[in-house]
Amino acid sequence: MRKNEIEKIAIFEGYRIRREYDEKKETWWFSLVDVIAVLTDSVNPTDYLKKLRKRDKELGLYLGTNCPQVEMTAETGKKRKTLAGSPEHILRLIQSIPSPKAEPFKIWLAKGGYERNNPVRYSYFLYSVFSNIFRSLAFR
């Protein structure tokens, strides 16, 4: 694996999560299938995501509208488009998955476990994630 490919992998408790950085939007996009694999230990995380989207229509619409197809390197080494989400989208996805790994994953995501190189961007990220969470809690 080349150096730039290694930088596109985030590690959570030994699991590899593919990611891609969007310079224009200044955000990381994470493979939703990889996040599902981490949270569920599913044999087929792609199927799990499809069934989850069918079962939870609201989530299906949310992911279909907000999460783009981003080109990432697959296990085979080939570039493939995969459904990807920003940290905000991943937090929404986690709400729909009953998993004991959900809380540790949210903490890892909030701590910026995937990005420690830019403290200014990291601080802004934390501010925006937590302000969105508190805003959503205030209107319930």
C-alpha atoms as a PDB file:
ATOM      1  CA  MET A   1       0.000   0.000   0.000  1.00  0.00           C
ATOM      2  CA  ARG A   2       1.351   3.420  -0.966  1.00  0.00           C
ATOM      3  CA  LYS A   3       1.869   6.182   1.590  1.00  0.00           C
ATOM      4  CA  ASN A   4      -1.065   8.269   0.364  1.00  0.00           C
ATOM      5  CA  GLU A   5      -3.316   5.184   0.538  1.00  0.00           C
ATOM      6  CA  ILE A   6      -2.241   4.535   4.140  1.00  0.00           C
ATOM      7  CA  GLU A   7      -3.155   8.123   5.065  1.00  0.00           C
ATOM      8  CA  LYS A   8      -6.659   7.450   3.757  1.00  0.00           C
ATOM      9  CA  ILE A   9      -7.234   4.751   6.377  1.00  0.00           C
ATOM     10  CA  ALA A  10      -8.432   5.499   9.902  1.00  0.00           C
ATOM     11  CA  ILE A  11      -8.096   2.858  12.616  1.00  0.00           C
ATOM     12  CA  PHE A  12     -10.692   2.262  15.321  1.00  0.00           C
ATOM     13  CA  GLU A  13     -10.043  -0.650  17.723  1.00  0.00           C
ATOM     14  CA  GLY A  14      -8.118  -2.494  15.029  1.00  0.00           C
ATOM     15  CA  TYR A  15     -10.739  -1.947  12.307  1.00  0.00           C
ATOM     16  CA  ARG A  16      -9.764  -0.146   9.113  1.00  0.00           C
ATOM     17  CA  ILE A  17     -12.108   2.604   7.982  1.00  0.00           C
ATOM     18  CA  ARG A  18     -11.595   4.052   4.517  1.00  0.00           C
ATOM     19  CA  ARG A  19     -11.760   7.818   4.290  1.00  0.00           C
ATOM     20  CA  GLU A  20     -11.264  10.587   1.766  1.00  0.00           C
ATOM     21  CA  TYR A  21     -10.594  14.259   2.438  1.00  0.00           C
ATOM     22  CA  ASP A  22     -12.547  16.869   0.451  1.00  0.00           C
ATOM     23  CA  GLU A  23     -10.416  20.005   0.151  1.00  0.00           C
ATOM     24  CA  LYS A  24     -13.305  22.194  -1.060  1.00  0.00           C
ATOM     25  CA  LYS A  25     -15.658  21.302   1.803  1.00  0.00           C
ATOM     26  CA  GLU A  26     -12.797  20.782   4.250  1.00  0.00           C
ATOM     27  CA  THR A  27     -14.283  17.582   5.614  1.00  0.00           C
ATOM     28  CA  TRP A  28     -13.481  13.891   5.826  1.00  0.00           C
ATOM     29  CA  TRP A  29     -15.782  11.367   4.132  1.00  0.00           C
ATOM     30  CA  PHE A  30     -15.859   7.909   5.694  1.00  0.00           C
ATOM     31  CA  SER A  31     -17.068   4.699   4.065  1.00  0.00           C
ATOM     32  CA  LEU A  32     -20.461   3.919   5.609  1.00  0.00           C
ATOM     33  CA  VAL A  33     -19.970   0.212   4.912  1.00  0.00           C
ATOM     34  CA  ASP A  34     -16.747   0.266   6.951  1.00  0.00           C
ATOM     35  CA  VAL A  35     -18.502   2.058   9.821  1.00  0.00           C
ATOM     36  CA  ILE A  36     -21.279  -0.573   9.724  1.00  0.00           C
ATOM     37  CA  ALA A  37     -18.623  -3.317   9.823  1.00  0.00           C
ATOM     38  CA  VAL A  38     -17.063  -1.753  12.935  1.00  0.00           C
ATOM     39  CA  LEU A  39     -20.352  -1.321  14.784  1.00  0.00           C
ATOM     40  CA  THR A  40     -22.050  -4.617  13.913  1.00  0.00           C
ATOM     41  CA  ASP A  41     -19.309  -7.204  13.228  1.00  0.00           C
ATOM     42  CA  SER A  42     -21.554  -8.191  10.308  1.00  0.00           C
ATOM     43  CA  VAL A  43     -20.292 -10.785   7.826  1.00  0.00           C
ATOM     44  CA  ASN A  44     -21.805  -8.666   5.037  1.00  0.00           C
ATOM     45  CA  PRO A  45     -21.920  -4.984   6.058  1.00  0.00           C
ATOM     46  CA  THR A  46     -23.142  -3.929   2.594  1.00  0.00           C
ATOM     47  CA  ASP A  47     -26.259  -6.080   3.025  1.00  0.00           C
ATOM     48  CA  TYR A  48     -26.710  -4.813   6.580  1.00  0.00           C
ATOM     49  CA  LEU A  49     -26.720  -1.212   5.307  1.00  0.00           C
ATOM     50  CA  LYS A  50     -29.210  -2.044   2.527  1.00  0.00           C
ATOM     51  CA  LYS A  51     -31.590  -3.742   4.981  1.00  0.00           C
ATOM     52  CA  LEU A  52     -31.194  -0.919   7.498  1.00  0.00           C
ATOM     53  CA  ARG A  53     -32.101   1.656   4.844  1.00  0.00           C
ATOM     54  CA  LYS A  54     -35.192  -0.365   3.831  1.00  0.00           C
ATOM     55  CA  ARG A  55     -36.315  -0.867   7.429  1.00  0.00           C
ATOM     56  CA  ASP A  56     -35.755   2.765   8.475  1.00  0.00           C
ATOM     57  CA  LYS A  57     -37.232   4.819   5.615  1.00  0.00           C
ATOM     58  CA  GLU A  58     -36.267   8.128   7.238  1.00  0.00           C
ATOM     59  CA  LEU A  59     -32.639   7.025   7.512  1.00  0.00           C
ATOM     60  CA  GLY A  60     -32.719   5.750   3.927  1.00  0.00           C
ATOM     61  CA  LEU A  61     -33.910   9.126   2.660  1.00  0.00           C
ATOM     62  CA  TYR A  62     -31.387  10.969   4.818  1.00  0.00           C
ATOM     63  CA  LEU A  63     -28.425   8.904   3.608  1.00  0.00           C
ATOM     64  CA  GLY A  64     -29.595   8.950  -0.011  1.00  0.00           C
ATOM     65  CA  THR A  65     -29.933  12.737   0.037  1.00  0.00           C
ATOM     66  CA  ASN A  66     -26.894  13.730   2.104  1.00  0.00           C
ATOM     67  CA  CYS A  67     -24.254  11.044   1.553  1.00  0.00           C
ATOM     68  CA  PRO A  68     -22.399  11.070  -1.760  1.00  0.00           C
ATOM     69  CA  GLN A  69     -20.732   8.210  -3.608  1.00  0.00           C
ATOM     70  CA  VAL A  70     -16.995   8.776  -3.082  1.00  0.00           C
ATOM     71  CA  GLU A  71     -14.249   6.900  -4.909  1.00  0.00           C
ATOM     72  CA  MET A  72     -12.176   4.861  -2.451  1.00  0.00           C
ATOM     73  CA  THR A  73      -9.761   1.955  -2.734  1.00  0.00           C
ATOM     74  CA  ALA A  74     -11.474  -1.388  -2.096  1.00  0.00           C
ATOM     75  CA  GLU A  75      -9.892  -4.449  -0.436  1.00  0.00           C
ATOM     76  CA  THR A  76      -8.977  -5.677  -3.919  1.00  0.00           C
ATOM     77  CA  GLY A  77      -6.912  -2.542  -4.525  1.00  0.00           C
ATOM     78  CA  LYS A  78      -9.288  -1.190  -7.174  1.00  0.00           C
ATOM     79  CA  LYS A  79     -10.936   2.202  -6.935  1.00  0.00           C
ATOM     80  CA  ARG A  80     -14.681   1.883  -6.375  1.00  0.00           C
ATOM     81  CA  LYS A  81     -17.388   4.392  -5.557  1.00  0.00           C
ATOM     82  CA  THR A  82     -18.844   3.781  -2.116  1.00  0.00           C
ATOM     83  CA  LEU A  83     -21.485   5.530  -0.051  1.00  0.00           C
ATOM     84  CA  ALA A  84     -19.672   7.912   2.273  1.00  0.00           C
ATOM     85  CA  GLY A  85     -20.651  10.163   5.129  1.00  0.00           C
ATOM     86  CA  SER A  86     -19.216  13.102   6.996  1.00  0.00           C
ATOM     87  CA  PRO A  87     -18.872  12.851  10.789  1.00  0.00           C
ATOM     88  CA  GLU A  88     -22.325  14.451  11.139  1.00  0.00           C
ATOM     89  CA  HIS A  89     -23.878  11.811   8.849  1.00  0.00           C
ATOM     90  CA  ILE A  90     -22.123   9.024  10.724  1.00  0.00           C
ATOM     91  CA  LEU A  91     -23.561  10.254  14.019  1.00  0.00           C
ATOM     92  CA  ARG A  92     -27.038  10.028  12.453  1.00  0.00           C
ATOM     93  CA  LEU A  93     -26.296   6.493  11.202  1.00  0.00           C
ATOM     94  CA  ILE A  94     -25.082   5.380  14.647  1.00  0.00           C
ATOM     95  CA  GLN A  95     -28.463   6.348  16.156  1.00  0.00           C
ATOM     96  CA  SER A  96     -30.074   3.557  14.100  1.00  0.00           C
ATOM     97  CA  ILE A  97     -27.657   0.779  15.065  1.00  0.00           C
ATOM     98  CA  PRO A  98     -27.961  -0.961  18.435  1.00  0.00           C
ATOM     99  CA  SER A  99     -24.323  -1.639  19.240  1.00  0.00           C
ATOM    100  CA  PRO A 100     -22.169  -1.619  22.373  1.00  0.00           C
ATOM    101  CA  LYS A 101     -19.439  -0.057  20.198  1.00  0.00           C
ATOM    102  CA  ALA A 102     -21.591   2.984  19.356  1.00  0.00           C
ATOM    103  CA  GLU A 103     -20.532   5.145  22.320  1.00  0.00           C
ATOM    104  CA  PRO A 104     -16.792   4.416  22.040  1.00  0.00           C
ATOM    105  CA  PHE A 105     -17.021   5.106  18.299  1.00  0.00           C
ATOM    106  CA  LYS A 106     -18.785   8.447  18.865  1.00  0.00           C
ATOM    107  CA  ILE A 107     -16.114   9.429  21.385  1.00  0.00           C
ATOM    108  CA  TRP A 108     -13.368   8.449  18.932  1.00  0.00           C
ATOM    109  CA  LEU A 109     -15.059  10.475  16.205  1.00  0.00           C
ATOM    110  CA  ALA A 110     -15.586  13.508  18.472  1.00  0.00           C
ATOM    111  CA  LYS A 111     -11.983  13.419  19.657  1.00  0.00           C
ATOM    112  CA  GLY A 112     -10.916  13.633  16.050  1.00  0.00           C
ATOM    113  CA  GLY A 113      -9.283  10.212  16.070  1.00  0.00           C
ATOM    114  CA  TYR A 114      -8.988  10.509  12.335  1.00  0.00           C
ATOM    115  CA  GLU A 115      -7.428  13.960  12.148  1.00  0.00           C
ATOM    116  CA  ARG A 116      -4.737  15.216  14.475  1.00  0.00           C
ATOM    117  CA  ASN A 117      -2.583  17.157  12.007  1.00  0.00           C
ATOM    118  CA  ASN A 118      -4.512  20.415  11.982  1.00  0.00           C
ATOM    119  CA  PRO A 119      -5.466  21.677  15.474  1.00  0.00           C
ATOM    120  CA  VAL A 120      -7.433  24.668  14.120  1.00  0.00           C
ATOM    121  CA  ARG A 121      -9.587  22.508  11.859  1.00  0.00           C
ATOM    122  CA  TYR A 122      -9.939  19.929  14.666  1.00  0.00           C
ATOM    123  CA  SER A 123     -11.165  22.590  17.136  1.00  0.00           C
ATOM    124  CA  TYR A 124     -13.675  23.903  14.606  1.00  0.00           C
ATOM    125  CA  PHE A 125     -14.832  20.336  13.924  1.00  0.00           C
ATOM    126  CA  LEU A 126     -15.451  19.688  17.632  1.00  0.00           C
ATOM    127  CA  TYR A 127     -17.324  22.964  17.978  1.00  0.00           C
ATOM    128  CA  SER A 128     -19.568  22.262  14.977  1.00  0.00           C
ATOM    129  CA  VAL A 129     -20.316  18.636  15.933  1.00  0.00           C
ATOM    130  CA  PHE A 130     -21.215  19.407  19.521  1.00  0.00           C
ATOM    131  CA  SER A 131     -23.188  22.551  18.696  1.00  0.00           C
ATOM    132  CA  ASN A 132     -25.272  20.517  16.198  1.00  0.00           C
ATOM    133  CA  ILE A 133     -25.866  17.831  18.821  1.00  0.00           C
ATOM    134  CA  PHE A 134     -26.937  20.353  21.462  1.00  0.00           C
ATOM    135  CA  ARG A 135     -29.149  22.201  18.975  1.00  0.00           C
ATOM    136  CA  SER A 136     -30.907  18.974  18.031  1.00  0.00           C
ATOM    137  CA  LEU A 137     -31.425  18.054  21.699  1.00  0.00           C
ATOM    138  CA  ALA A 138     -32.864  21.473  22.525  1.00  0.00           C
ATOM    139  CA  PHE A 139     -35.664  21.154  19.972  1.00  0.00           C
ATOM    140  CA  ARG A 140     -36.954  17.717  21.034  1.00  0.00           C
END
